[in-house]
Amino acid sequence: VQLQASGGGFVQTGESLRLSCAVSGSLHMFKAVGWYRQAPGKERELIADISTRGATTNYADSVKGRFTISRDNAKNTVYLQMNSLKPEDTAVYYCTAQRGLLPGYWGQGTQVTVSS
């Protein structure tokens, strides 16, 4: 299974970005898919995840109300819409897929840089 993330870039504070993650297999192989991020000098953190059946979502407090995770099972793709971006959102963003309690598959990461 391969996960290919894209959509990162350099934006100004308050702007938006949409990340995409193409999964090489059916999303139904997994219990959930999601996004983590890692900022310089910080630990990797869960940003959002979504069940592959139903619509159960989970967000970090730091992004609630600004980020929205979604998936398109027909396209085997996961999205992360990021609005009202802040400098503290600067990080490498990783898409993930899990069959159990923790992610077992990771994408290569895409850099998001938010300038003040």
C-alpha atoms as a PDB file:
ATOM      1  CA  VAL A   1       0.000   0.000   0.000  1.00  0.00           C
ATOM      2  CA  GLN A   2       1.295   3.436  -0.914  1.00  0.00           C
ATOM      3  CA  LEU A   3       0.047   6.831   0.166  1.00  0.00           C
ATOM      4  CA  GLN A   4       0.950   9.870  -1.937  1.00  0.00           C
ATOM      5  CA  ALA A   5       0.365  13.257  -0.333  1.00  0.00           C
ATOM      6  CA  SER A   6       0.250  16.495  -2.273  1.00  0.00           C
ATOM      7  CA  GLY A   7      -0.992  20.068  -2.036  1.00  0.00           C
ATOM      8  CA  GLY A   8       1.440  21.609   0.408  1.00  0.00           C
ATOM      9  CA  GLY A   9       2.973  24.985  -0.188  1.00  0.00           C
ATOM     10  CA  PHE A  10       3.821  28.431   1.075  1.00  0.00           C
ATOM     11  CA  VAL A  11       0.943  30.695   2.089  1.00  0.00           C
ATOM     12  CA  GLN A  12       0.268  33.816   4.119  1.00  0.00           C
ATOM     13  CA  THR A  13      -1.535  33.886   7.443  1.00  0.00           C
ATOM     14  CA  GLY A  14      -5.268  33.524   6.946  1.00  0.00           C
ATOM     15  CA  GLU A  15      -5.045  31.796   3.596  1.00  0.00           C
ATOM     16  CA  SER A  16      -6.153  28.266   2.736  1.00  0.00           C
ATOM     17  CA  LEU A  17      -4.660  25.072   1.380  1.00  0.00           C
ATOM     18  CA  ARG A  18      -6.130  21.727   0.444  1.00  0.00           C
ATOM     19  CA  LEU A  19      -4.054  18.623   0.918  1.00  0.00           C
ATOM     20  CA  SER A  20      -4.794  15.429  -0.964  1.00  0.00           C
ATOM     21  CA  CYS A  21      -3.651  11.881  -0.314  1.00  0.00           C
ATOM     22  CA  ALA A  22      -4.031   9.227  -2.974  1.00  0.00           C
ATOM     23  CA  VAL A  23      -4.086   5.690  -1.597  1.00  0.00           C
ATOM     24  CA  SER A  24      -2.998   2.848  -3.867  1.00  0.00           C
ATOM     25  CA  GLY A  25      -5.721   0.529  -2.621  1.00  0.00           C
ATOM     26  CA  SER A  26      -9.323   0.697  -1.549  1.00  0.00           C
ATOM     27  CA  LEU A  27      -9.987   2.815   1.523  1.00  0.00           C
ATOM     28  CA  HIS A  28     -12.251   0.028   2.722  1.00  0.00           C
ATOM     29  CA  MET A  29      -9.110  -1.985   3.537  1.00  0.00           C
ATOM     30  CA  PHE A  30      -8.654   0.371   6.481  1.00  0.00           C
ATOM     31  CA  LYS A  31     -10.522   1.279   9.599  1.00  0.00           C
ATOM     32  CA  ALA A  32      -9.630   4.960   9.291  1.00  0.00           C
ATOM     33  CA  VAL A  33      -7.481   7.391   7.356  1.00  0.00           C
ATOM     34  CA  GLY A  34      -6.062  10.642   8.616  1.00  0.00           C
ATOM     35  CA  TRP A  35      -3.435  13.341   8.770  1.00  0.00           C
ATOM     36  CA  TYR A  36      -0.562  13.936  11.173  1.00  0.00           C
ATOM     37  CA  ARG A  37       1.908  16.769  11.201  1.00  0.00           C
ATOM     38  CA  GLN A  38       5.361  17.391  12.585  1.00  0.00           C
ATOM     39  CA  ALA A  39       6.801  20.825  13.148  1.00  0.00           C
ATOM     40  CA  PRO A  40      10.547  21.419  13.596  1.00  0.00           C
ATOM     41  CA  GLY A  41      11.636  20.389  17.073  1.00  0.00           C
ATOM     42  CA  LYS A  42       8.221  18.989  17.952  1.00  0.00           C
ATOM     43  CA  GLU A  43       6.689  15.561  18.130  1.00  0.00           C
ATOM     44  CA  ARG A  44       4.444  14.257  15.418  1.00  0.00           C
ATOM     45  CA  GLU A  45       0.790  14.916  16.270  1.00  0.00           C
ATOM     46  CA  LEU A  46      -2.569  13.719  15.031  1.00  0.00           C
ATOM     47  CA  ILE A  47      -4.461  16.477  13.252  1.00  0.00           C
ATOM     48  CA  ALA A  48      -7.555  14.703  12.019  1.00  0.00           C
ATOM     49  CA  ASP A  49      -8.857  11.320  11.076  1.00  0.00           C
ATOM     50  CA  ILE A  50     -12.006   9.912   9.556  1.00  0.00           C
ATOM     51  CA  SER A  51     -13.530   6.462   9.503  1.00  0.00           C
ATOM     52  CA  THR A  52     -13.693   4.766   6.136  1.00  0.00           C
ATOM     53  CA  ARG A  53     -17.223   3.631   6.835  1.00  0.00           C
ATOM     54  CA  GLY A  54     -19.679   6.152   8.115  1.00  0.00           C
ATOM     55  CA  ALA A  55     -18.527   9.687   8.814  1.00  0.00           C
ATOM     56  CA  THR A  56     -16.886   9.653  12.217  1.00  0.00           C
ATOM     57  CA  THR A  57     -14.233  12.352  12.429  1.00  0.00           C
ATOM     58  CA  ASN A  58     -11.732  13.369  15.062  1.00  0.00           C
ATOM     59  CA  TYR A  59      -9.784  16.636  15.221  1.00  0.00           C
ATOM     60  CA  ALA A  60      -7.012  18.072  17.308  1.00  0.00           C
ATOM     61  CA  ASP A  61      -8.196  21.014  19.384  1.00  0.00           C
ATOM     62  CA  SER A  62      -5.693  23.258  17.642  1.00  0.00           C
ATOM     63  CA  VAL A  63      -7.415  22.854  14.255  1.00  0.00           C
ATOM     64  CA  LYS A  64     -11.085  22.445  15.167  1.00  0.00           C
ATOM     65  CA  GLY A  65     -13.243  24.855  13.223  1.00  0.00           C
ATOM     66  CA  ARG A  66     -10.467  25.586  10.713  1.00  0.00           C
ATOM     67  CA  PHE A  67      -9.578  22.220   9.169  1.00  0.00           C
ATOM     68  CA  THR A  68     -11.921  19.706   7.587  1.00  0.00           C
ATOM     69  CA  ILE A  69     -11.048  16.131   6.705  1.00  0.00           C
ATOM     70  CA  SER A  70     -12.970  14.263   4.049  1.00  0.00           C
ATOM     71  CA  ARG A  71     -12.571  11.229   1.858  1.00  0.00           C
ATOM     72  CA  ASP A  72     -13.729  10.008  -1.511  1.00  0.00           C
ATOM     73  CA  ASN A  73     -13.916   6.239  -1.405  1.00  0.00           C
ATOM     74  CA  ALA A  74     -14.493   6.017  -5.147  1.00  0.00           C
ATOM     75  CA  LYS A  75     -11.215   7.844  -5.788  1.00  0.00           C
ATOM     76  CA  ASN A  76      -9.345   6.271  -2.848  1.00  0.00           C
ATOM     77  CA  THR A  77      -8.393   9.770  -1.792  1.00  0.00           C
ATOM     78  CA  VAL A  78      -8.331  11.619   1.507  1.00  0.00           C
ATOM     79  CA  TYR A  79      -8.447  15.402   1.754  1.00  0.00           C
ATOM     80  CA  LEU A  80      -7.589  17.988   4.353  1.00  0.00           C
ATOM     81  CA  GLN A  81      -9.066  21.425   3.782  1.00  0.00           C
ATOM     82  CA  MET A  82      -7.119  23.930   5.843  1.00  0.00           C
ATOM     83  CA  ASN A  83      -8.582  27.401   6.307  1.00  0.00           C
ATOM     84  CA  SER A  84      -7.470  30.408   8.332  1.00  0.00           C
ATOM     85  CA  LEU A  85      -3.928  29.108   8.415  1.00  0.00           C
ATOM     86  CA  LYS A  86      -1.580  30.353  11.116  1.00  0.00           C
ATOM     87  CA  PRO A  87       2.214  30.355  11.376  1.00  0.00           C
ATOM     88  CA  GLU A  88       1.950  27.629  14.012  1.00  0.00           C
ATOM     89  CA  ASP A  89       0.415  25.357  11.376  1.00  0.00           C
ATOM     90  CA  THR A  90       3.792  25.255   9.651  1.00  0.00           C
ATOM     91  CA  ALA A  91       4.873  21.618   9.537  1.00  0.00           C
ATOM     92  CA  VAL A  92       5.312  18.565   7.380  1.00  0.00           C
ATOM     93  CA  TYR A  93       1.926  16.930   6.949  1.00  0.00           C
ATOM     94  CA  TYR A  94       1.613  13.167   6.606  1.00  0.00           C
ATOM     95  CA  CYS A  95      -1.380  11.170   5.519  1.00  0.00           C
ATOM     96  CA  THR A  96      -1.972   7.871   7.246  1.00  0.00           C
ATOM     97  CA  ALA A  97      -4.066   4.749   7.060  1.00  0.00           C
ATOM     98  CA  GLN A  98      -4.804   2.320   9.857  1.00  0.00           C
ATOM     99  CA  ARG A  99      -6.354  -1.048  10.326  1.00  0.00           C
ATOM    100  CA  GLY A 100      -6.051  -1.038  14.077  1.00  0.00           C
ATOM    101  CA  LEU A 101      -5.699   1.541  16.793  1.00  0.00           C
ATOM    102  CA  LEU A 102      -2.646   3.250  15.305  1.00  0.00           C
ATOM    103  CA  PRO A 103      -1.591   4.179  11.760  1.00  0.00           C
ATOM    104  CA  GLY A 104       0.250   1.413   9.982  1.00  0.00           C
ATOM    105  CA  TYR A 105       0.808   3.183   6.685  1.00  0.00           C
ATOM    106  CA  TRP A 106       2.321   6.616   6.115  1.00  0.00           C
ATOM    107  CA  GLY A 107       2.689   8.889   3.119  1.00  0.00           C
ATOM    108  CA  GLN A 108       5.908  10.698   2.330  1.00  0.00           C
ATOM    109  CA  GLY A 109       4.857  14.052   3.792  1.00  0.00           C
ATOM    110  CA  THR A 110       4.131  17.416   2.248  1.00  0.00           C
ATOM    111  CA  GLN A 111       5.487  20.707   3.575  1.00  0.00           C
ATOM    112  CA  VAL A 112       3.131  23.467   4.626  1.00  0.00           C
ATOM    113  CA  THR A 113       4.658  26.821   5.469  1.00  0.00           C
ATOM    114  CA  VAL A 114       2.565  29.709   6.750  1.00  0.00           C
ATOM    115  CA  SER A 115       4.190  33.104   6.785  1.00  0.00           C
ATOM    116  CA  SER A 116       3.188  35.898   9.100  1.00  0.00           C
END
